């Protein structure tokens, strides 16, 4: 049986951490690793109190920097499958077993939770209209230039095989939110099989979400990653993030 580890990159998740973890089906089948990115609340203390393997960054390293430590710790524990779950309860943990099964059964190497099952469902779930529009626009562009057919490229619920984490050069990625986009383009470049499954949309006050200004910056950086991927793909210039570890 595959060793499955759920990593939770946490920041100010004190109000939702326990609820998120308690909602994971068959939780005993997974090891959990919580990495607190110097939260301003008691996320770290709560996680330790609940008995989970918990780490705290030496300073606020950002969303991508947090994930780097998550994956490092998961690989050190010899995980076969790593599921990245936000501890803010925005993504439904009930999807975790389905995602890990697709990797365990050798159907996919990467599985995403797709929040865009329909426009109505996304908006009723609280996704701001501007986020929905930008998500659709960027996903169309990303699918077009990579030949993929993903429902969305910007999900924060993801599952990876160990081979993925040992192959792509994720340690060279940004420490910011663009980390996830870089990661997926690296997976495409390495020809890994990427799939997705639908997950409910849940936007609420305690769920983390970048504001409009940061969303604009994120959208611009996403288009930059698309451009860099195209340049690298055609051999015009080779970027370090697209070089494989193996």
Foldseek 3Di string as FASTA:
>chain_A
DFAEEEEEEDALLVPQQVVQQVQAPPSVSYAYEYEYQPHPDCPQVVCVVVPHHYHYDPHRLEPLVSVVVRLVVCVVVVGQKYKYDYRLCQWRNPCVVVQVVCVVVVNFQKEFAAAPPDPVQQVVQPDDPVNVVLQVVLQVLVCVLLVDDANTQQGRIMMGGPVLVQKFDLVPDGSYSCSSLLSVLLCSLVVGGYYYDYTGGHDDDSHDDDDPVVVVVSSVVSVVSSVLSVCCVVPVDNDPRNHIPD
